[in-house]
Amino acid sequence: MRLSKLLGVAGIVGVAATGAVLVRHERHRRTYTAEEVRARLQGRVVEVATAPADPDLAPDWPADVEPPKRHPTEALLSTVMRIGPLRRF
């Protein structure tokens, strides 16, 4: 019986500690002004734009070869569902 009480108290303490961490994080997040958030986002955009291309995201086929054609089922689904071509990753 005592073990179950100990586990219950430990669970309550864990939930309270998690809540305290979340409240502290929320306070820290709310200290940013709109201009600071905008400046940080624009800085990230510039950083991503100037970063070198990831070789894992490059197409697997050579530049002089045509990319693969759409599968007929994919074209049919796009027509029926009125969506654009599916992205290939």
N, C-alpha and C. Protein backbone atom coordinates (compact mmCIF):
# COMPACT_ATOMS: atom_id res chain seq x y z
N MET A 1 0.82 -1.19 0.00
CA MET A 1 0.00 0.00 0.00
C MET A 1 0.87 1.26 0.00
N ARG A 2 1.96 1.24 0.72
CA ARG A 2 2.82 2.42 0.79
C ARG A 2 3.51 2.69 -0.55
N LEU A 3 3.83 1.62 -1.27
CA LEU A 3 4.47 1.81 -2.57
C LEU A 3 3.54 2.54 -3.53
N SER A 4 2.27 2.19 -3.52
CA SER A 4 1.32 2.85 -4.41
C SER A 4 1.17 4.33 -4.03
N LYS A 5 1.18 4.63 -2.75
CA LYS A 5 1.09 6.03 -2.31
C LYS A 5 2.34 6.80 -2.76
N LEU A 6 3.49 6.16 -2.63
CA LEU A 6 4.75 6.78 -3.04
C LEU A 6 4.75 7.06 -4.54
N LEU A 7 4.25 6.09 -5.33
CA LEU A 7 4.18 6.31 -6.78
C LEU A 7 3.19 7.41 -7.12
N GLY A 8 2.09 7.49 -6.40
CA GLY A 8 1.11 8.56 -6.64
C GLY A 8 1.69 9.93 -6.34
N VAL A 9 2.39 10.04 -5.24
CA VAL A 9 3.02 11.32 -4.87
C VAL A 9 4.09 11.69 -5.90
N ALA A 10 4.85 10.70 -6.34
CA ALA A 10 5.89 10.97 -7.34
C ALA A 10 5.26 11.44 -8.65
N GLY A 11 4.12 10.86 -9.02
CA GLY A 11 3.44 11.30 -10.24
C GLY A 11 2.95 12.72 -10.12
N ILE A 12 2.38 13.08 -8.97
CA ILE A 12 1.89 14.44 -8.76
C ILE A 12 3.04 15.44 -8.80
N VAL A 13 4.15 15.09 -8.18
CA VAL A 13 5.33 15.97 -8.19
C VAL A 13 5.85 16.13 -9.62
N GLY A 14 5.83 15.05 -10.41
CA GLY A 14 6.29 15.14 -11.80
C GLY A 14 5.40 16.05 -12.63
N VAL A 15 4.08 15.95 -12.44
CA VAL A 15 3.16 16.81 -13.17
C VAL A 15 3.36 18.27 -12.78
N ALA A 16 3.56 18.54 -11.50
CA ALA A 16 3.77 19.91 -11.03
C ALA A 16 5.07 20.48 -11.60
N ALA A 17 6.12 19.66 -11.62
CA ALA A 17 7.40 20.13 -12.15
C ALA A 17 7.29 20.43 -13.65
N THR A 18 6.58 19.58 -14.38
CA THR A 18 6.39 19.82 -15.81
C THR A 18 5.62 21.11 -16.04
N GLY A 19 4.59 21.34 -15.24
CA GLY A 19 3.83 22.58 -15.35
C GLY A 19 4.69 23.80 -15.08
N ALA A 20 5.56 23.71 -14.09
CA ALA A 20 6.43 24.83 -13.76
C ALA A 20 7.38 25.14 -14.92
N VAL A 21 7.90 24.11 -15.54
CA VAL A 21 8.81 24.31 -16.68
C VAL A 21 8.06 24.95 -17.84
N LEU A 22 6.84 24.49 -18.10
CA LEU A 22 6.06 25.07 -19.20
C LEU A 22 5.71 26.53 -18.95
N VAL A 23 5.37 26.87 -17.72
CA VAL A 23 5.05 28.26 -17.39
C VAL A 23 6.28 29.15 -17.57
N ARG A 24 7.43 28.67 -17.14
CA ARG A 24 8.66 29.44 -17.28
C ARG A 24 8.99 29.66 -18.76
N HIS A 25 8.81 28.62 -19.57
CA HIS A 25 9.07 28.74 -21.01
C HIS A 25 8.09 29.73 -21.64
N GLU A 26 6.84 29.68 -21.25
CA GLU A 26 5.84 30.60 -21.80
C GLU A 26 6.16 32.05 -21.44
N ARG A 27 6.59 32.29 -20.22
CA ARG A 27 6.99 33.65 -19.83
C ARG A 27 8.15 34.14 -20.67
N HIS A 28 9.13 33.27 -20.89
CA HIS A 28 10.28 33.64 -21.70
C HIS A 28 9.85 33.94 -23.14
N ARG A 29 8.93 33.15 -23.68
CA ARG A 29 8.48 33.35 -25.06
C ARG A 29 7.72 34.67 -25.20
N ARG A 30 6.96 35.04 -24.22
CA ARG A 30 6.15 36.25 -24.31
C ARG A 30 6.95 37.53 -24.14
N THR A 31 8.21 37.45 -23.77
CA THR A 31 9.01 38.65 -23.59
C THR A 31 9.46 39.25 -24.91
N TYR A 32 9.32 38.51 -26.04
CA TYR A 32 9.71 39.03 -27.33
C TYR A 32 8.67 40.03 -27.83
N THR A 33 9.14 41.11 -28.42
CA THR A 33 8.23 42.05 -29.07
C THR A 33 7.99 41.56 -30.50
N ALA A 34 7.01 42.15 -31.14
CA ALA A 34 6.69 41.75 -32.51
C ALA A 34 7.87 42.04 -33.45
N GLU A 35 8.55 43.14 -33.22
CA GLU A 35 9.70 43.48 -34.07
C GLU A 35 10.83 42.47 -33.90
N GLU A 36 11.05 42.02 -32.66
CA GLU A 36 12.10 41.02 -32.42
C GLU A 36 11.77 39.70 -33.10
N VAL A 37 10.53 39.28 -33.01
CA VAL A 37 10.12 38.04 -33.67
C VAL A 37 10.28 38.16 -35.17
N ARG A 38 9.85 39.29 -35.73
CA ARG A 38 9.97 39.52 -37.17
C ARG A 38 11.43 39.50 -37.60
N ALA A 39 12.29 40.15 -36.82
CA ALA A 39 13.72 40.19 -37.16
C ALA A 39 14.33 38.79 -37.10
N ARG A 40 13.95 38.00 -36.11
CA ARG A 40 14.48 36.64 -36.01
C ARG A 40 14.02 35.78 -37.18
N LEU A 41 12.74 35.90 -37.56
CA LEU A 41 12.24 35.13 -38.69
C LEU A 41 12.92 35.54 -40.00
N GLN A 42 13.10 36.84 -40.19
CA GLN A 42 13.78 37.29 -41.40
C GLN A 42 15.24 36.82 -41.42
N GLY A 43 15.87 36.78 -40.25
CA GLY A 43 17.24 36.25 -40.18
C GLY A 43 17.30 34.79 -40.55
N ARG A 44 16.30 34.02 -40.13
CA ARG A 44 16.26 32.60 -40.49
C ARG A 44 16.07 32.43 -41.99
N VAL A 45 15.23 33.27 -42.60
CA VAL A 45 15.00 33.18 -44.04
C VAL A 45 16.30 33.46 -44.78
N VAL A 46 17.02 34.48 -44.36
CA VAL A 46 18.30 34.81 -45.01
C VAL A 46 19.29 33.66 -44.81
N GLU A 47 19.31 33.08 -43.62
CA GLU A 47 20.23 31.98 -43.34
C GLU A 47 19.93 30.77 -44.23
N VAL A 48 18.66 30.46 -44.40
CA VAL A 48 18.29 29.31 -45.24
C VAL A 48 18.58 29.61 -46.71
N ALA A 49 18.35 30.84 -47.13
CA ALA A 49 18.57 31.20 -48.53
C ALA A 49 20.04 31.15 -48.89
N THR A 50 20.91 31.47 -47.95
CA THR A 50 22.35 31.49 -48.25
C THR A 50 23.05 30.18 -47.93
N ALA A 51 22.33 29.23 -47.32
CA ALA A 51 22.94 27.94 -46.97
C ALA A 51 23.18 27.13 -48.25
N PRO A 52 24.25 26.34 -48.26
CA PRO A 52 24.49 25.51 -49.45
C PRO A 52 23.40 24.45 -49.58
N ALA A 53 23.18 24.02 -50.80
CA ALA A 53 22.13 23.03 -51.06
C ALA A 53 22.50 21.69 -50.41
N ASP A 54 21.52 21.03 -49.89
CA ASP A 54 21.71 19.73 -49.27
C ASP A 54 21.79 18.68 -50.38
N PRO A 55 22.87 17.92 -50.45
CA PRO A 55 22.98 16.94 -51.54
C PRO A 55 21.93 15.84 -51.46
N ASP A 56 21.36 15.60 -50.28
CA ASP A 56 20.33 14.57 -50.16
C ASP A 56 19.03 15.01 -50.82
N LEU A 57 18.84 16.33 -51.02
CA LEU A 57 17.62 16.82 -51.62
C LEU A 57 17.73 17.01 -53.13
N ALA A 58 18.92 16.77 -53.68
CA ALA A 58 19.11 16.92 -55.12
C ALA A 58 18.47 15.74 -55.84
N PRO A 59 18.01 15.95 -57.08
CA PRO A 59 17.43 14.83 -57.83
C PRO A 59 18.44 13.72 -58.05
N ASP A 60 17.95 12.51 -58.11
CA ASP A 60 18.84 11.36 -58.28
C ASP A 60 19.25 11.13 -59.73
N TRP A 61 18.60 11.80 -60.67
CA TRP A 61 18.91 11.58 -62.07
C TRP A 61 19.80 12.70 -62.58
N PRO A 62 20.61 12.45 -63.60
CA PRO A 62 21.49 13.48 -64.15
C PRO A 62 20.69 14.62 -64.77
N ALA A 63 21.33 15.78 -64.91
CA ALA A 63 20.65 16.97 -65.41
C ALA A 63 20.21 16.81 -66.86
N ASP A 64 20.94 16.01 -67.67
CA ASP A 64 20.59 15.88 -69.08
C ASP A 64 19.50 14.84 -69.34
N VAL A 65 19.02 14.18 -68.30
CA VAL A 65 17.96 13.18 -68.43
C VAL A 65 16.66 13.79 -67.94
N GLU A 66 15.57 13.49 -68.64
CA GLU A 66 14.27 14.01 -68.24
C GLU A 66 13.85 13.40 -66.90
N PRO A 67 13.16 14.18 -66.07
CA PRO A 67 12.64 13.60 -64.84
C PRO A 67 11.58 12.55 -65.16
N PRO A 68 11.32 11.64 -64.26
CA PRO A 68 10.36 10.58 -64.55
C PRO A 68 8.97 11.14 -64.83
N LYS A 69 8.24 10.44 -65.67
CA LYS A 69 6.88 10.85 -66.02
C LYS A 69 5.93 10.46 -64.87
N ARG A 70 4.79 11.15 -64.83
CA ARG A 70 3.79 10.83 -63.83
C ARG A 70 3.15 9.49 -64.15
N HIS A 71 2.86 8.74 -63.13
CA HIS A 71 2.18 7.46 -63.31
C HIS A 71 0.74 7.75 -63.76
N PRO A 72 0.17 6.94 -64.62
CA PRO A 72 -1.19 7.21 -65.09
C PRO A 72 -2.21 7.29 -63.95
N THR A 73 -2.04 6.48 -62.93
CA THR A 73 -2.96 6.52 -61.80
C THR A 73 -2.85 7.85 -61.06
N GLU A 74 -1.64 8.37 -60.94
CA GLU A 74 -1.44 9.66 -60.28
C GLU A 74 -2.11 10.78 -61.08
N ALA A 75 -1.98 10.72 -62.40
CA ALA A 75 -2.62 11.72 -63.25
C ALA A 75 -4.13 11.63 -63.13
N LEU A 76 -4.67 10.42 -63.10
CA LEU A 76 -6.11 10.23 -62.96
C LEU A 76 -6.61 10.76 -61.62
N LEU A 77 -5.88 10.44 -60.55
CA LEU A 77 -6.27 10.92 -59.23
C LEU A 77 -6.23 12.44 -59.17
N SER A 78 -5.22 13.04 -59.76
CA SER A 78 -5.12 14.50 -59.76
C SER A 78 -6.29 15.12 -60.50
N THR A 79 -6.71 14.48 -61.59
CA THR A 79 -7.84 14.99 -62.35
C THR A 79 -9.13 14.85 -61.55
N VAL A 80 -9.33 13.69 -60.95
CA VAL A 80 -10.56 13.43 -60.22
C VAL A 80 -10.64 14.30 -58.98
N MET A 81 -9.53 14.42 -58.27
CA MET A 81 -9.55 15.16 -57.01
C MET A 81 -9.22 16.64 -57.20
N ARG A 82 -8.89 17.04 -58.41
CA ARG A 82 -8.56 18.43 -58.73
C ARG A 82 -7.42 18.96 -57.89
N ILE A 83 -6.35 18.20 -57.83
CA ILE A 83 -5.15 18.64 -57.12
C ILE A 83 -3.99 18.66 -58.10
N GLY A 84 -2.94 19.33 -57.74
CA GLY A 84 -1.77 19.40 -58.59
C GLY A 84 -0.97 18.11 -58.54
N PRO A 85 0.14 18.07 -59.25
CA PRO A 85 0.96 16.87 -59.21
C PRO A 85 1.51 16.62 -57.81
N LEU A 86 1.64 15.35 -57.47
CA LEU A 86 2.17 15.00 -56.16
C LEU A 86 3.65 15.33 -56.11
N ARG A 87 4.09 15.76 -54.95
CA ARG A 87 5.53 16.09 -54.79
C ARG A 87 6.31 14.81 -54.56
N ARG A 88 7.43 14.73 -55.20
CA ARG A 88 8.32 13.58 -55.00
C ARG A 88 9.49 14.03 -54.15
N PHE A 89 9.71 13.35 -53.06
CA PHE A 89 10.80 13.72 -52.15
C PHE A 89 11.93 12.77 -52.23
